Amino acid sequence: MKKSIVGLALGAIAGVFDVIPMILQDLSWDANLSAFTLWLVVGFLISVTEIKVPGWLKGMLIAFLVLLPSAIIIGAKEPFSLVPIAILTSILGALLGYTYPRVAKT
């Protein structure tokens, strides 16, 4: 239970970092909510999934798997917007995957 809460908390932090530029761009509330929720799910999945890869890679893999359905929809309408989304997903996913085991130990 504690591990899940830590994962959700770290996911919420990542969600805030992801949503801030979206709010500044005046994107819709549903896009902001979708992005924030994505990171909550990623944080939770990182906390409950055991894959024998480095933490940063685990975070990136889970983040991209969770992003995939949204990326297909976004890419069909705005393919160029996938570049910053992929960059931020790589960075935040890797940071979550790297940070989670260090925070969850304490």
N, C-alpha and C. Protein backbone atom coordinates (compact mmCIF):
# COMPACT_ATOMS: atom_id res chain seq x y z
N MET A 1 0.82 -1.19 0.00
CA MET A 1 0.00 0.00 0.00
C MET A 1 0.87 1.26 0.00
N LYS A 2 1.92 1.27 0.84
CA LYS A 2 2.80 2.43 0.90
C LYS A 2 3.47 2.67 -0.44
N LYS A 3 3.87 1.58 -1.11
CA LYS A 3 4.53 1.73 -2.41
C LYS A 3 3.59 2.37 -3.43
N SER A 4 2.34 1.97 -3.40
CA SER A 4 1.36 2.54 -4.34
C SER A 4 1.15 4.02 -4.08
N ILE A 5 1.09 4.39 -2.81
CA ILE A 5 0.90 5.80 -2.46
C ILE A 5 2.09 6.63 -2.92
N VAL A 6 3.29 6.10 -2.72
CA VAL A 6 4.50 6.80 -3.19
C VAL A 6 4.46 6.94 -4.70
N GLY A 7 4.08 5.87 -5.41
CA GLY A 7 3.97 5.93 -6.86
C GLY A 7 2.96 6.95 -7.32
N LEU A 8 1.80 6.99 -6.67
CA LEU A 8 0.78 7.98 -7.02
C LEU A 8 1.25 9.40 -6.73
N ALA A 9 1.94 9.59 -5.61
CA ALA A 9 2.44 10.93 -5.26
C ALA A 9 3.47 11.40 -6.28
N LEU A 10 4.40 10.52 -6.65
CA LEU A 10 5.39 10.91 -7.66
C LEU A 10 4.73 11.14 -9.01
N GLY A 11 3.72 10.33 -9.32
CA GLY A 11 2.97 10.55 -10.56
C GLY A 11 2.26 11.89 -10.56
N ALA A 12 1.71 12.28 -9.42
CA ALA A 12 1.04 13.58 -9.32
C ALA A 12 2.04 14.72 -9.54
N ILE A 13 3.24 14.58 -8.99
CA ILE A 13 4.27 15.60 -9.20
C ILE A 13 4.63 15.70 -10.68
N ALA A 14 4.83 14.54 -11.32
CA ALA A 14 5.13 14.54 -12.76
C ALA A 14 3.97 15.15 -13.54
N GLY A 15 2.74 14.85 -13.12
CA GLY A 15 1.56 15.40 -13.78
C GLY A 15 1.52 16.92 -13.72
N VAL A 16 1.88 17.46 -12.58
CA VAL A 16 1.91 18.92 -12.44
C VAL A 16 2.95 19.52 -13.39
N PHE A 17 4.13 18.90 -13.45
CA PHE A 17 5.17 19.40 -14.37
C PHE A 17 4.73 19.31 -15.83
N ASP A 18 3.95 18.30 -16.16
CA ASP A 18 3.48 18.14 -17.53
C ASP A 18 2.36 19.13 -17.86
N VAL A 19 1.50 19.40 -16.90
CA VAL A 19 0.32 20.23 -17.16
C VAL A 19 0.64 21.72 -17.14
N ILE A 20 1.64 22.15 -16.41
CA ILE A 20 1.95 23.59 -16.33
C ILE A 20 2.13 24.21 -17.72
N PRO A 21 2.99 23.64 -18.60
CA PRO A 21 3.10 24.26 -19.93
C PRO A 21 1.79 24.19 -20.73
N MET A 22 1.00 23.16 -20.48
CA MET A 22 -0.28 23.03 -21.19
C MET A 22 -1.24 24.13 -20.77
N ILE A 23 -1.25 24.46 -19.48
CA ILE A 23 -2.10 25.55 -18.99
C ILE A 23 -1.63 26.87 -19.58
N LEU A 24 -0.31 27.07 -19.63
CA LEU A 24 0.23 28.31 -20.20
C LEU A 24 -0.11 28.44 -21.68
N GLN A 25 -0.28 27.31 -22.37
CA GLN A 25 -0.67 27.33 -23.78
C GLN A 25 -2.18 27.45 -23.94
N ASP A 26 -2.89 27.51 -22.84
CA ASP A 26 -4.36 27.64 -22.82
C ASP A 26 -5.04 26.46 -23.52
N LEU A 27 -4.51 25.25 -23.27
CA LEU A 27 -5.15 24.05 -23.82
C LEU A 27 -6.41 23.72 -23.02
N SER A 28 -7.24 22.87 -23.59
CA SER A 28 -8.53 22.57 -22.98
C SER A 28 -8.38 21.83 -21.65
N TRP A 29 -9.41 21.92 -20.84
CA TRP A 29 -9.38 21.29 -19.52
C TRP A 29 -9.27 19.77 -19.65
N ASP A 30 -9.91 19.20 -20.69
CA ASP A 30 -9.85 17.75 -20.82
C ASP A 30 -8.47 17.27 -21.23
N ALA A 31 -7.75 18.06 -22.02
CA ALA A 31 -6.37 17.71 -22.36
C ALA A 31 -5.49 17.76 -21.11
N ASN A 32 -5.68 18.78 -20.29
CA ASN A 32 -4.91 18.90 -19.05
C ASN A 32 -5.22 17.76 -18.09
N LEU A 33 -6.49 17.45 -17.95
CA LEU A 33 -6.90 16.36 -17.06
C LEU A 33 -6.37 15.02 -17.57
N SER A 34 -6.41 14.82 -18.86
CA SER A 34 -5.90 13.59 -19.46
C SER A 34 -4.40 13.43 -19.19
N ALA A 35 -3.64 14.50 -19.37
CA ALA A 35 -2.20 14.45 -19.13
C ALA A 35 -1.90 14.18 -17.66
N PHE A 36 -2.61 14.86 -16.77
CA PHE A 36 -2.37 14.65 -15.34
C PHE A 36 -2.70 13.21 -14.93
N THR A 37 -3.82 12.71 -15.43
CA THR A 37 -4.23 11.34 -15.11
C THR A 37 -3.24 10.32 -15.64
N LEU A 38 -2.71 10.58 -16.83
CA LEU A 38 -1.70 9.68 -17.40
C LEU A 38 -0.56 9.48 -16.41
N TRP A 39 -0.08 10.55 -15.81
CA TRP A 39 1.07 10.44 -14.90
C TRP A 39 0.70 9.79 -13.58
N LEU A 40 -0.54 9.96 -13.13
CA LEU A 40 -0.98 9.20 -11.95
C LEU A 40 -0.94 7.70 -12.23
N VAL A 41 -1.43 7.31 -13.39
CA VAL A 41 -1.43 5.90 -13.77
C VAL A 41 0.00 5.38 -13.93
N VAL A 42 0.86 6.17 -14.56
CA VAL A 42 2.25 5.76 -14.74
C VAL A 42 2.93 5.58 -13.38
N GLY A 43 2.74 6.51 -12.48
CA GLY A 43 3.33 6.39 -11.15
C GLY A 43 2.86 5.15 -10.43
N PHE A 44 1.56 4.88 -10.51
CA PHE A 44 1.01 3.68 -9.89
C PHE A 44 1.59 2.41 -10.52
N LEU A 45 1.61 2.36 -11.85
CA LEU A 45 2.12 1.16 -12.52
C LEU A 45 3.60 0.93 -12.25
N ILE A 46 4.37 1.98 -12.14
CA ILE A 46 5.79 1.82 -11.79
C ILE A 46 5.91 1.19 -10.41
N SER A 47 5.01 1.58 -9.50
CA SER A 47 5.11 1.07 -8.13
C SER A 47 4.70 -0.39 -8.00
N VAL A 48 3.87 -0.89 -8.91
CA VAL A 48 3.37 -2.27 -8.77
C VAL A 48 3.93 -3.24 -9.81
N THR A 49 4.73 -2.75 -10.74
CA THR A 49 5.26 -3.59 -11.81
C THR A 49 6.70 -3.97 -11.51
N GLU A 50 7.01 -5.24 -11.74
CA GLU A 50 8.38 -5.70 -11.56
C GLU A 50 8.92 -6.17 -12.91
N ILE A 51 9.76 -5.35 -13.49
CA ILE A 51 10.46 -5.68 -14.74
C ILE A 51 11.95 -5.61 -14.44
N LYS A 52 12.70 -6.57 -14.89
CA LYS A 52 14.13 -6.63 -14.59
C LYS A 52 14.93 -5.76 -15.57
N VAL A 53 14.68 -4.46 -15.52
CA VAL A 53 15.44 -3.48 -16.31
C VAL A 53 15.76 -2.32 -15.37
N PRO A 54 16.72 -1.47 -15.75
CA PRO A 54 17.00 -0.30 -14.91
C PRO A 54 15.74 0.55 -14.71
N GLY A 55 15.67 1.21 -13.56
CA GLY A 55 14.49 1.99 -13.21
C GLY A 55 14.11 3.03 -14.24
N TRP A 56 15.09 3.75 -14.77
CA TRP A 56 14.79 4.79 -15.75
C TRP A 56 14.15 4.20 -17.00
N LEU A 57 14.60 3.01 -17.42
CA LEU A 57 14.04 2.36 -18.59
C LEU A 57 12.63 1.84 -18.31
N LYS A 58 12.43 1.31 -17.12
CA LYS A 58 11.10 0.86 -16.70
C LYS A 58 10.11 2.02 -16.76
N GLY A 59 10.52 3.16 -16.25
CA GLY A 59 9.66 4.34 -16.27
C GLY A 59 9.32 4.78 -17.68
N MET A 60 10.32 4.80 -18.56
CA MET A 60 10.07 5.20 -19.94
C MET A 60 9.14 4.22 -20.65
N LEU A 61 9.38 2.92 -20.46
CA LEU A 61 8.54 1.91 -21.11
C LEU A 61 7.08 2.03 -20.67
N ILE A 62 6.87 2.12 -19.37
CA ILE A 62 5.50 2.22 -18.86
C ILE A 62 4.85 3.51 -19.33
N ALA A 63 5.59 4.61 -19.30
CA ALA A 63 5.04 5.90 -19.73
C ALA A 63 4.60 5.84 -21.19
N PHE A 64 5.44 5.28 -22.06
CA PHE A 64 5.07 5.22 -23.47
C PHE A 64 3.93 4.24 -23.72
N LEU A 65 3.87 3.14 -22.98
CA LEU A 65 2.75 2.21 -23.15
C LEU A 65 1.43 2.85 -22.74
N VAL A 66 1.46 3.62 -21.66
CA VAL A 66 0.24 4.30 -21.21
C VAL A 66 -0.14 5.43 -22.18
N LEU A 67 0.86 6.09 -22.74
CA LEU A 67 0.63 7.20 -23.67
C LEU A 67 0.11 6.72 -25.02
N LEU A 68 0.42 5.51 -25.42
CA LEU A 68 0.16 5.04 -26.78
C LEU A 68 -1.25 5.29 -27.31
N PRO A 69 -2.32 4.95 -26.58
CA PRO A 69 -3.66 5.22 -27.15
C PRO A 69 -3.90 6.71 -27.42
N SER A 70 -3.47 7.56 -26.51
CA SER A 70 -3.64 9.00 -26.71
C SER A 70 -2.77 9.50 -27.86
N ALA A 71 -1.57 8.96 -27.97
CA ALA A 71 -0.66 9.38 -29.03
C ALA A 71 -1.23 9.07 -30.41
N ILE A 72 -1.92 7.96 -30.52
CA ILE A 72 -2.53 7.61 -31.81
C ILE A 72 -3.59 8.64 -32.17
N ILE A 73 -4.42 9.01 -31.21
CA ILE A 73 -5.47 10.00 -31.47
C ILE A 73 -4.87 11.37 -31.76
N ILE A 74 -3.89 11.78 -30.96
CA ILE A 74 -3.26 13.08 -31.15
C ILE A 74 -2.52 13.12 -32.49
N GLY A 75 -1.79 12.05 -32.79
CA GLY A 75 -1.00 12.01 -34.02
C GLY A 75 -1.85 12.06 -35.27
N ALA A 76 -3.06 11.55 -35.22
CA ALA A 76 -3.95 11.60 -36.38
C ALA A 76 -4.37 13.03 -36.70
N LYS A 77 -4.49 13.86 -35.66
CA LYS A 77 -4.95 15.24 -35.87
C LYS A 77 -3.79 16.23 -35.94
N GLU A 78 -2.78 16.03 -35.09
CA GLU A 78 -1.67 16.97 -35.00
C GLU A 78 -0.35 16.21 -34.87
N PRO A 79 0.17 15.66 -35.97
CA PRO A 79 1.36 14.81 -35.87
C PRO A 79 2.60 15.52 -35.32
N PHE A 80 2.73 16.81 -35.58
CA PHE A 80 3.91 17.53 -35.11
C PHE A 80 3.91 17.74 -33.59
N SER A 81 2.75 17.67 -32.98
CA SER A 81 2.69 17.82 -31.52
C SER A 81 3.22 16.59 -30.80
N LEU A 82 3.42 15.49 -31.53
CA LEU A 82 3.94 14.29 -30.89
C LEU A 82 5.41 14.43 -30.48
N VAL A 83 6.14 15.32 -31.15
CA VAL A 83 7.56 15.49 -30.82
C VAL A 83 7.74 15.99 -29.39
N PRO A 84 7.14 17.14 -28.99
CA PRO A 84 7.32 17.56 -27.60
C PRO A 84 6.69 16.59 -26.60
N ILE A 85 5.61 15.94 -27.00
CA ILE A 85 4.98 14.96 -26.10
C ILE A 85 5.94 13.80 -25.85
N ALA A 86 6.59 13.31 -26.90
CA ALA A 86 7.54 12.19 -26.76
C ALA A 86 8.74 12.60 -25.93
N ILE A 87 9.22 13.82 -26.11
CA ILE A 87 10.38 14.29 -25.34
C ILE A 87 10.03 14.37 -23.86
N LEU A 88 8.90 14.99 -23.55
CA LEU A 88 8.50 15.13 -22.15
C LEU A 88 8.18 13.77 -21.52
N THR A 89 7.57 12.89 -22.30
CA THR A 89 7.28 11.54 -21.79
C THR A 89 8.57 10.79 -21.49
N SER A 90 9.57 10.93 -22.34
CA SER A 90 10.86 10.29 -22.09
C SER A 90 11.50 10.80 -20.81
N ILE A 91 11.52 12.12 -20.67
CA ILE A 91 12.18 12.73 -19.51
C ILE A 91 11.43 12.39 -18.22
N LEU A 92 10.11 12.64 -18.19
CA LEU A 92 9.36 12.40 -16.96
C LEU A 92 9.27 10.91 -16.63
N GLY A 93 9.11 10.07 -17.65
CA GLY A 93 9.07 8.63 -17.41
C GLY A 93 10.38 8.11 -16.82
N ALA A 94 11.50 8.56 -17.39
CA ALA A 94 12.80 8.15 -16.88
C ALA A 94 13.03 8.66 -15.46
N LEU A 95 12.65 9.91 -15.21
CA LEU A 95 12.80 10.47 -13.86
C LEU A 95 11.94 9.73 -12.84
N LEU A 96 10.70 9.41 -13.21
CA LEU A 96 9.84 8.66 -12.30
C LEU A 96 10.43 7.28 -12.01
N GLY A 97 10.84 6.60 -13.07
CA GLY A 97 11.39 5.26 -12.90
C GLY A 97 12.67 5.26 -12.09
N TYR A 98 13.48 6.30 -12.25
CA TYR A 98 14.74 6.40 -11.51
C TYR A 98 14.49 6.79 -10.05
N THR A 99 13.54 7.70 -9.83
CA THR A 99 13.30 8.23 -8.49
C THR A 99 12.50 7.29 -7.61
N TYR A 100 11.54 6.58 -8.18
CA TYR A 100 10.64 5.77 -7.37
C TYR A 100 11.37 4.81 -6.41
N PRO A 101 12.30 3.96 -6.87
CA PRO A 101 12.91 3.02 -5.94
C PRO A 101 13.69 3.71 -4.82
N ARG A 102 14.22 4.88 -5.09
CA ARG A 102 14.99 5.60 -4.09
C ARG A 102 14.08 6.19 -3.01
N VAL A 103 12.92 6.68 -3.43
CA VAL A 103 11.97 7.26 -2.47
C VAL A 103 11.22 6.17 -1.72
N ALA A 104 10.87 5.09 -2.40
CA ALA A 104 10.08 4.02 -1.78
C ALA A 104 10.87 3.27 -0.72
N LYS A 105 12.21 3.28 -0.79
CA LYS A 105 13.04 2.58 0.20
C LYS A 105 12.91 3.21 1.58
N THR A 106 12.80 4.53 1.61
CA THR A 106 12.82 5.23 2.90
C THR A 106 11.53 5.13 3.66
